[in-house]
Amino acid sequence: MEKLNNKAFDPINQEEKELMESIERNEWQTVKNIDQEKEKAMTAARNTLKKDKRINLRLTQKDYQKIQIKAIEEGIPYQTLISSLVHKYVNGS
């Protein structure tokens, strides 16, 4: 692999810096069966994002309306916004 131009951009964190240095040291190898590996990654991504559980949730009218307004501002369905908020909360972000 060709070396990255360090002046093009700075790494955003230590992990990205280590990845860039690893690439520059030619430590990365081409995958032999790229189609199979790509399919495995796509399946993992689909399973990670799959929403397969339903819940009933009671909210105050005021909270419900505010969530709908926020969802409109974000340009997403309000259920997606609620799901995103729950996901961020349980993952500590």
C-alpha atoms as a PDB file:
ATOM      1  CA  MET A   1       0.000   0.000   0.000  1.00  0.00           C
ATOM      2  CA  GLU A   2       1.212   3.482  -0.674  1.00  0.00           C
ATOM      3  CA  LYS A   3       2.115   5.717   2.230  1.00  0.00           C
ATOM      4  CA  LEU A   4      -0.463   8.219   3.369  1.00  0.00           C
ATOM      5  CA  ASN A   5       0.367  11.869   3.098  1.00  0.00           C
ATOM      6  CA  ASN A   6       0.491  12.879   6.760  1.00  0.00           C
ATOM      7  CA  LYS A   7      -0.240  16.464   5.805  1.00  0.00           C
ATOM      8  CA  ALA A   8      -3.535  15.492   4.153  1.00  0.00           C
ATOM      9  CA  PHE A   9      -5.253  15.022   7.522  1.00  0.00           C
ATOM     10  CA  ASP A  10      -4.460  14.347  11.144  1.00  0.00           C
ATOM     11  CA  PRO A  11      -5.811  11.282  12.937  1.00  0.00           C
ATOM     12  CA  ILE A  12      -8.775  12.059  15.155  1.00  0.00           C
ATOM     13  CA  ASN A  13      -7.633   9.795  17.990  1.00  0.00           C
ATOM     14  CA  GLN A  14      -4.945   7.319  19.051  1.00  0.00           C
ATOM     15  CA  GLU A  15      -6.755   4.351  17.482  1.00  0.00           C
ATOM     16  CA  GLU A  16      -6.914   6.048  14.088  1.00  0.00           C
ATOM     17  CA  LYS A  17      -3.252   7.044  14.388  1.00  0.00           C
ATOM     18  CA  GLU A  18      -2.270   3.420  15.091  1.00  0.00           C
ATOM     19  CA  LEU A  19      -4.333   2.207  12.106  1.00  0.00           C
ATOM     20  CA  MET A  20      -2.655   4.731   9.805  1.00  0.00           C
ATOM     21  CA  GLU A  21       0.788   3.705  11.017  1.00  0.00           C
ATOM     22  CA  SER A  22      -0.112   0.037  10.538  1.00  0.00           C
ATOM     23  CA  ILE A  23      -1.087   0.697   6.927  1.00  0.00           C
ATOM     24  CA  GLU A  24       2.172   2.580   6.327  1.00  0.00           C
ATOM     25  CA  ARG A  25       4.132  -0.414   7.701  1.00  0.00           C
ATOM     26  CA  ASN A  26       2.346  -2.651   5.136  1.00  0.00           C
ATOM     27  CA  GLU A  27       0.888  -4.853   7.880  1.00  0.00           C
ATOM     28  CA  TRP A  28      -2.437  -5.262   6.059  1.00  0.00           C
ATOM     29  CA  GLN A  29      -3.028  -8.224   3.777  1.00  0.00           C
ATOM     30  CA  THR A  30      -5.519  -8.766   0.989  1.00  0.00           C
ATOM     31  CA  VAL A  31      -8.419 -11.083   1.834  1.00  0.00           C
ATOM     32  CA  LYS A  32      -8.386 -14.211  -0.340  1.00  0.00           C
ATOM     33  CA  ASN A  33     -12.152 -14.700  -0.720  1.00  0.00           C
ATOM     34  CA  ILE A  34     -13.398 -11.110  -0.791  1.00  0.00           C
ATOM     35  CA  ASP A  35     -16.990 -11.981  -1.782  1.00  0.00           C
ATOM     36  CA  GLN A  36     -17.412 -14.408   1.123  1.00  0.00           C
ATOM     37  CA  GLU A  37     -15.888 -11.946   3.603  1.00  0.00           C
ATOM     38  CA  LYS A  38     -18.072  -9.136   2.270  1.00  0.00           C
ATOM     39  CA  GLU A  39     -21.193 -11.277   2.689  1.00  0.00           C
ATOM     40  CA  LYS A  40     -20.190 -12.152   6.276  1.00  0.00           C
ATOM     41  CA  ALA A  41     -19.734  -8.460   7.093  1.00  0.00           C
ATOM     42  CA  MET A  42     -23.060  -7.532   5.483  1.00  0.00           C
ATOM     43  CA  THR A  43     -24.877 -10.276   7.407  1.00  0.00           C
ATOM     44  CA  ALA A  44     -23.320  -9.117  10.673  1.00  0.00           C
ATOM     45  CA  ALA A  45     -24.346  -5.518   9.929  1.00  0.00           C
ATOM     46  CA  ARG A  46     -27.916  -6.566   9.088  1.00  0.00           C
ATOM     47  CA  ASN A  47     -28.198  -8.583  12.301  1.00  0.00           C
ATOM     48  CA  THR A  48     -26.778  -5.726  14.350  1.00  0.00           C
ATOM     49  CA  LEU A  49     -29.307  -3.255  12.973  1.00  0.00           C
ATOM     50  CA  LYS A  50     -32.277  -5.625  12.911  1.00  0.00           C
ATOM     51  CA  LYS A  51     -35.065  -4.494  15.171  1.00  0.00           C
ATOM     52  CA  ASP A  52     -36.876  -7.649  16.154  1.00  0.00           C
ATOM     53  CA  LYS A  53     -38.483  -6.764  19.487  1.00  0.00           C
ATOM     54  CA  ARG A  54     -41.565  -4.665  20.039  1.00  0.00           C
ATOM     55  CA  ILE A  55     -42.437  -2.827  23.219  1.00  0.00           C
ATOM     56  CA  ASN A  56     -45.350  -0.736  24.397  1.00  0.00           C
ATOM     57  CA  LEU A  57     -44.386   2.537  25.971  1.00  0.00           C
ATOM     58  CA  ARG A  58     -46.589   5.025  27.772  1.00  0.00           C
ATOM     59  CA  LEU A  59     -45.594   8.693  27.587  1.00  0.00           C
ATOM     60  CA  THR A  60     -47.163  11.892  28.745  1.00  0.00           C
ATOM     61  CA  GLN A  61     -48.928  13.810  25.999  1.00  0.00           C
ATOM     62  CA  LYS A  62     -46.392  16.616  26.384  1.00  0.00           C
ATOM     63  CA  ASP A  63     -43.364  14.293  25.983  1.00  0.00           C
ATOM     64  CA  TYR A  64     -44.994  12.551  23.018  1.00  0.00           C
ATOM     65  CA  GLN A  65     -45.572  15.858  21.243  1.00  0.00           C
ATOM     66  CA  LYS A  66     -42.032  17.061  21.952  1.00  0.00           C
ATOM     67  CA  ILE A  67     -40.581  13.818  20.613  1.00  0.00           C
ATOM     68  CA  GLN A  68     -42.650  14.164  17.452  1.00  0.00           C
ATOM     69  CA  ILE A  69     -41.396  17.740  16.992  1.00  0.00           C
ATOM     70  CA  LYS A  70     -37.767  16.659  17.506  1.00  0.00           C
ATOM     71  CA  ALA A  71     -38.230  13.815  15.027  1.00  0.00           C
ATOM     72  CA  ILE A  72     -39.600  16.219  12.419  1.00  0.00           C
ATOM     73  CA  GLU A  73     -36.623  18.523  13.012  1.00  0.00           C
ATOM     74  CA  GLU A  74     -34.262  15.548  12.541  1.00  0.00           C
ATOM     75  CA  GLY A  75     -36.189  14.319   9.506  1.00  0.00           C
ATOM     76  CA  ILE A  76     -36.793  10.835  10.928  1.00  0.00           C
ATOM     77  CA  PRO A  77     -39.848   8.928  12.208  1.00  0.00           C
ATOM     78  CA  TYR A  78     -40.492   9.444  15.912  1.00  0.00           C
ATOM     79  CA  GLN A  79     -40.189   5.687  16.581  1.00  0.00           C
ATOM     80  CA  THR A  80     -36.689   5.771  15.085  1.00  0.00           C
ATOM     81  CA  LEU A  81     -35.794   8.715  17.307  1.00  0.00           C
ATOM     82  CA  ILE A  82     -37.015   6.895  20.420  1.00  0.00           C
ATOM     83  CA  SER A  83     -35.100   3.755  19.413  1.00  0.00           C
ATOM     84  CA  SER A  84     -31.961   5.829  18.859  1.00  0.00           C
ATOM     85  CA  LEU A  85     -32.298   7.501  22.258  1.00  0.00           C
ATOM     86  CA  VAL A  86     -32.682   4.139  24.000  1.00  0.00           C
ATOM     87  CA  HIS A  87     -29.713   2.706  22.091  1.00  0.00           C
ATOM     88  CA  LYS A  88     -27.499   5.676  22.986  1.00  0.00           C
ATOM     89  CA  TYR A  89     -28.541   5.506  26.631  1.00  0.00           C
ATOM     90  CA  VAL A  90     -27.847   1.794  27.105  1.00  0.00           C
ATOM     91  CA  ASN A  91     -24.476   2.163  25.347  1.00  0.00           C
ATOM     92  CA  GLY A  92     -23.465   5.092  27.517  1.00  0.00           C
ATOM     93  CA  SER A  93     -23.362   7.816  24.897  1.00  0.00           C
END
